[in-house]
N, C-alpha and C. Protein backbone atom coordinates (compact mmCIF):
# COMPACT_ATOMS: atom_id res chain seq x y z
N MET A 1 -152.92 32.71 -15.06
CA MET A 1 -152.57 33.93 -14.19
C MET A 1 -150.96 34.67 -14.22
N VAL A 2 -150.94 35.84 -14.20
CA VAL A 2 -149.76 36.28 -14.49
C VAL A 2 -149.17 37.27 -13.33
N ARG A 3 -148.27 37.28 -12.96
CA ARG A 3 -147.63 37.74 -11.71
C ARG A 3 -147.33 39.17 -12.30
N LYS A 4 -147.61 40.20 -11.07
CA LYS A 4 -147.23 41.80 -11.36
C LYS A 4 -146.95 42.26 -10.24
N VAL A 5 -146.11 43.38 -10.04
CA VAL A 5 -145.58 44.47 -9.13
C VAL A 5 -146.71 45.22 -8.81
N GLU A 6 -147.42 45.20 -7.74
CA GLU A 6 -148.42 46.25 -7.27
C GLU A 6 -147.87 46.94 -6.11
N MET A 7 -148.50 48.19 -5.85
CA MET A 7 -148.33 49.11 -4.39
C MET A 7 -149.58 49.54 -4.48
N GLN A 8 -150.23 49.28 -3.17
CA GLN A 8 -151.49 49.74 -2.60
C GLN A 8 -151.30 51.18 -1.67
N SER A 9 -150.37 51.53 -1.34
CA SER A 9 -150.06 52.50 -0.65
C SER A 9 -148.73 53.19 -0.96
N ILE A 10 -148.48 54.33 -0.55
CA ILE A 10 -147.12 55.13 -0.68
C ILE A 10 -146.23 54.63 0.41
N GLY A 11 -144.85 54.56 0.09
CA GLY A 11 -143.95 54.34 1.10
C GLY A 11 -142.85 53.37 0.86
N THR A 12 -142.05 52.90 1.49
CA THR A 12 -140.64 52.42 1.29
C THR A 12 -141.12 51.21 0.31
N PRO A 13 -139.80 50.24 -0.21
CA PRO A 13 -140.06 49.29 -1.22
C PRO A 13 -140.88 48.14 -0.40
N ALA A 14 -140.88 48.31 0.72
CA ALA A 14 -141.76 47.15 1.57
C ALA A 14 -143.38 47.05 0.99
N VAL A 15 -143.62 48.26 0.38
CA VAL A 15 -144.99 48.44 -0.18
C VAL A 15 -145.52 47.76 -1.39
N LEU A 16 -144.44 47.09 -2.05
CA LEU A 16 -144.38 46.68 -3.46
C LEU A 16 -144.79 45.29 -3.01
N LYS A 17 -145.76 44.83 -3.65
CA LYS A 17 -145.92 43.16 -3.42
C LYS A 17 -146.23 42.37 -4.79
N ILE A 18 -145.71 41.62 -5.10
CA ILE A 18 -146.05 40.45 -6.35
C ILE A 18 -147.27 39.73 -6.15
N VAL A 19 -148.18 40.34 -6.87
CA VAL A 19 -149.65 39.89 -6.76
C VAL A 19 -150.12 38.99 -8.24
N GLU A 20 -150.88 37.83 -8.42
CA GLU A 20 -151.44 37.39 -9.24
C GLU A 20 -152.70 37.66 -9.73
N THR A 21 -152.50 37.93 -11.00
CA THR A 21 -154.10 38.37 -11.87
C THR A 21 -154.06 37.85 -13.00
N ASP A 22 -155.58 37.87 -13.37
CA ASP A 22 -155.71 37.03 -14.93
C ASP A 22 -155.88 38.34 -15.88
N VAL A 23 -155.49 38.41 -16.96
CA VAL A 23 -155.33 39.24 -17.69
C VAL A 23 -156.56 39.09 -18.99
N GLY A 24 -156.90 37.83 -19.09
CA GLY A 24 -157.73 37.66 -20.10
C GLY A 24 -157.23 37.25 -21.44
N SER A 25 -157.87 36.99 -22.49
CA SER A 25 -157.48 36.85 -23.63
C SER A 25 -157.51 38.08 -24.51
N PRO A 26 -156.51 38.11 -25.80
CA PRO A 26 -156.33 39.16 -26.18
C PRO A 26 -157.47 39.53 -27.17
N GLY A 27 -158.14 40.89 -27.37
CA GLY A 27 -159.25 41.23 -28.18
C GLY A 27 -158.50 41.16 -29.46
N ALA A 28 -159.66 41.51 -30.48
CA ALA A 28 -159.42 41.95 -31.82
C ALA A 28 -158.24 42.98 -31.99
N GLY A 29 -157.13 43.27 -32.50
CA GLY A 29 -156.16 44.23 -32.79
C GLY A 29 -155.34 44.35 -31.66
N GLN A 30 -155.62 43.35 -30.71
CA GLN A 30 -154.73 43.45 -29.60
C GLN A 30 -153.58 42.28 -29.43
N VAL A 31 -152.33 42.30 -28.98
CA VAL A 31 -151.69 40.94 -28.76
C VAL A 31 -151.34 41.04 -27.18
N ARG A 32 -151.00 39.58 -27.08
CA ARG A 32 -150.36 39.00 -25.88
C ARG A 32 -148.87 39.40 -25.45
N LEU A 33 -148.31 39.92 -25.13
CA LEU A 33 -146.67 40.05 -24.65
C LEU A 33 -146.58 39.55 -23.60
N VAL A 34 -145.37 38.56 -23.93
CA VAL A 34 -144.52 37.82 -22.61
C VAL A 34 -143.25 38.83 -22.38
N GLN A 35 -143.53 39.33 -21.24
CA GLN A 35 -142.34 40.27 -20.69
C GLN A 35 -141.10 39.12 -20.37
N ASP A 36 -140.17 39.58 -21.14
CA ASP A 36 -138.88 39.08 -20.45
C ASP A 36 -137.85 39.75 -19.45
N ALA A 37 -138.34 41.01 -19.61
CA ALA A 37 -137.65 41.68 -18.41
C ALA A 37 -138.51 42.87 -18.05
N ILE A 38 -138.22 43.37 -16.82
CA ILE A 38 -138.84 44.65 -16.35
C ILE A 38 -137.56 45.38 -16.03
N GLY A 39 -138.28 46.90 -16.51
CA GLY A 39 -137.01 47.85 -15.69
C GLY A 39 -137.48 48.56 -14.55
N ILE A 40 -136.79 48.83 -13.49
CA ILE A 40 -137.14 49.80 -12.51
C ILE A 40 -136.54 50.99 -12.88
N ASN A 41 -137.36 51.84 -13.21
CA ASN A 41 -136.74 53.34 -13.42
C ASN A 41 -136.92 54.18 -12.25
N TYR A 42 -136.53 55.85 -12.40
CA TYR A 42 -136.64 56.45 -11.51
C TYR A 42 -138.19 56.88 -11.28
N VAL A 43 -139.14 57.04 -12.69
CA VAL A 43 -140.50 56.97 -12.36
C VAL A 43 -141.22 56.29 -11.56
N ASP A 44 -140.86 54.91 -11.18
CA ASP A 44 -141.47 54.13 -10.48
C ASP A 44 -140.89 54.29 -9.18
N VAL A 45 -139.64 54.86 -8.74
CA VAL A 45 -139.68 55.67 -7.48
C VAL A 45 -140.26 56.42 -7.31
N MET A 46 -140.31 57.35 -8.00
CA MET A 46 -141.32 58.59 -7.68
C MET A 46 -142.56 58.44 -7.33
N VAL A 47 -143.34 56.90 -7.89
CA VAL A 47 -144.65 56.73 -7.88
C VAL A 47 -144.62 56.27 -6.61
N ARG A 48 -143.67 55.28 -6.25
CA ARG A 48 -143.84 54.66 -5.04
C ARG A 48 -143.51 55.79 -3.89
N THR A 49 -142.75 56.50 -3.82
CA THR A 49 -142.50 57.68 -2.97
C THR A 49 -143.52 58.92 -2.64
N GLY A 50 -144.54 58.81 -3.81
CA GLY A 50 -145.41 59.55 -3.80
C GLY A 50 -145.23 60.95 -4.62
N LEU A 51 -144.02 61.23 -4.99
CA LEU A 51 -143.67 62.19 -5.84
C LEU A 51 -144.21 62.38 -7.18
N PHE A 52 -144.89 61.36 -7.76
CA PHE A 52 -145.49 61.44 -9.34
C PHE A 52 -146.81 60.47 -8.90
N PRO A 53 -147.88 61.24 -8.52
CA PRO A 53 -149.29 60.95 -8.02
C PRO A 53 -149.82 59.90 -9.22
N MET A 54 -150.52 58.74 -8.74
CA MET A 54 -150.95 57.78 -9.56
C MET A 54 -152.01 57.50 -8.72
N ARG A 55 -153.39 56.99 -9.27
CA ARG A 55 -154.35 55.90 -8.63
C ARG A 55 -153.91 54.83 -8.20
N LEU A 56 -154.09 54.42 -6.82
CA LEU A 56 -153.88 53.23 -6.19
C LEU A 56 -154.89 52.22 -6.13
N PRO A 57 -154.77 50.98 -6.56
CA PRO A 57 -153.52 50.28 -6.32
C PRO A 57 -152.81 50.58 -7.83
N ALA A 58 -151.52 50.74 -7.73
CA ALA A 58 -150.84 51.20 -9.05
C ALA A 58 -149.98 49.89 -9.40
N THR A 59 -149.84 49.69 -10.78
CA THR A 59 -148.99 48.67 -11.06
C THR A 59 -147.73 49.40 -11.74
N LEU A 60 -146.58 49.03 -11.44
CA LEU A 60 -145.16 49.91 -11.91
C LEU A 60 -144.75 48.94 -13.29
N GLU A 61 -143.60 49.14 -13.26
CA GLU A 61 -143.33 48.96 -14.67
C GLU A 61 -143.42 49.51 -15.84
N PHE A 62 -143.01 50.79 -15.83
CA PHE A 62 -143.45 51.51 -17.24
C PHE A 62 -142.38 51.36 -18.40
N GLU A 63 -141.39 50.05 -18.17
CA GLU A 63 -141.10 49.86 -19.36
C GLU A 63 -140.56 48.65 -19.29
N ALA A 64 -140.85 48.15 -20.59
CA ALA A 64 -140.64 46.49 -20.65
C ALA A 64 -139.88 46.01 -21.68
N ALA A 65 -139.44 44.85 -22.00
CA ALA A 65 -138.93 44.24 -23.12
C ALA A 65 -140.03 42.82 -23.27
N ALA A 66 -140.64 42.93 -24.53
CA ALA A 66 -141.52 41.74 -24.81
C ALA A 66 -141.31 41.39 -26.12
N GLY A 67 -142.23 39.87 -26.19
CA GLY A 67 -142.43 39.70 -27.77
C GLY A 67 -143.58 38.31 -27.31
N GLY A 68 -144.23 37.76 -28.20
CA GLY A 68 -145.21 36.83 -27.95
C GLY A 68 -145.72 36.21 -29.06
N PRO A 69 -146.70 34.94 -28.30
CA PRO A 69 -147.02 34.42 -29.62
C PRO A 69 -148.28 34.67 -30.57
N SER A 70 -148.73 36.05 -30.07
CA SER A 70 -149.75 36.58 -30.93
C SER A 70 -149.45 37.74 -31.78
N CYS A 71 -147.92 37.80 -31.54
CA CYS A 71 -147.14 38.86 -32.47
C CYS A 71 -147.06 38.61 -33.74
N PRO A 72 -147.21 39.37 -34.68
CA PRO A 72 -146.94 39.12 -35.84
C PRO A 72 -145.55 38.64 -36.43
N ASP A 73 -145.19 37.68 -37.18
CA ASP A 73 -143.74 37.13 -37.44
C ASP A 73 -143.13 38.27 -37.65
N ARG A 74 -143.25 39.65 -38.51
CA ARG A 74 -142.38 40.30 -38.87
C ARG A 74 -141.83 41.01 -37.64
N LEU A 75 -142.65 41.10 -36.72
CA LEU A 75 -142.02 41.75 -35.43
C LEU A 75 -141.73 40.71 -34.40
N MET A 76 -141.89 39.49 -34.65
CA MET A 76 -141.36 38.79 -33.47
C MET A 76 -139.95 38.95 -33.16
N GLY A 77 -139.60 39.13 -31.97
CA GLY A 77 -138.24 39.23 -31.38
C GLY A 77 -137.61 40.71 -31.77
N SER A 78 -138.62 41.59 -32.04
CA SER A 78 -138.22 42.92 -32.02
C SER A 78 -138.39 43.77 -30.75
N PRO A 79 -137.95 44.70 -30.41
CA PRO A 79 -138.24 45.49 -29.26
C PRO A 79 -139.33 46.14 -29.18
N MET A 80 -140.43 46.27 -28.59
CA MET A 80 -141.62 47.19 -28.57
C MET A 80 -141.71 47.77 -27.61
N PRO A 81 -142.25 49.02 -27.90
CA PRO A 81 -142.78 50.04 -26.39
C PRO A 81 -143.97 49.20 -25.89
N VAL A 82 -143.83 49.33 -24.62
CA VAL A 82 -145.05 48.58 -23.74
C VAL A 82 -145.63 49.87 -22.77
N THR A 83 -146.84 50.24 -23.06
CA THR A 83 -147.43 51.48 -22.31
C THR A 83 -148.88 51.23 -22.01
N ASP A 84 -149.36 51.68 -20.60
CA ASP A 84 -150.75 51.75 -20.36
C ASP A 84 -151.59 52.54 -20.80
N GLY A 85 -150.65 53.41 -22.00
CA GLY A 85 -151.72 54.48 -22.63
C GLY A 85 -151.32 55.67 -22.06
N THR A 86 -150.56 56.10 -20.80
CA THR A 86 -150.41 57.02 -20.15
C THR A 86 -149.07 58.12 -20.27
N CYS A 87 -148.20 57.23 -21.08
CA CYS A 87 -146.80 57.74 -21.45
C CYS A 87 -146.81 58.73 -22.57
N ASP A 88 -146.47 59.86 -22.50
CA ASP A 88 -146.08 61.03 -23.65
C ASP A 88 -145.42 60.50 -24.64
N TYR A 89 -144.40 59.80 -24.38
CA TYR A 89 -143.29 59.17 -25.50
C TYR A 89 -143.74 57.79 -26.69
N THR A 90 -144.88 57.41 -26.17
CA THR A 90 -145.15 56.10 -26.71
C THR A 90 -146.86 56.03 -26.89
N SER A 91 -147.03 55.27 -27.70
CA SER A 91 -148.69 55.08 -27.82
C SER A 91 -148.99 53.64 -28.18
N THR A 92 -150.12 53.37 -27.81
CA THR A 92 -150.48 51.78 -28.06
C THR A 92 -151.50 51.72 -29.61
């Protein structure tokens, strides 16, 4: 089980909840990343307040620093973009 920050409604910071979820095992061509840090940035605030519409429940954390045991050795410890596939500036 992993923990994530999730919001099920628009509102104040009080709508942010830490929930546990199972992410399953990585499939072929995928890696499991261990997040060392997460960043709260302005887009997270825009989502929470309803200025940037997203389907709810929504998981915040549009940026992260990561590495993991499934990561190829040549990339271990390197910064990696993390996205859910909706960001225009990164790709999965």
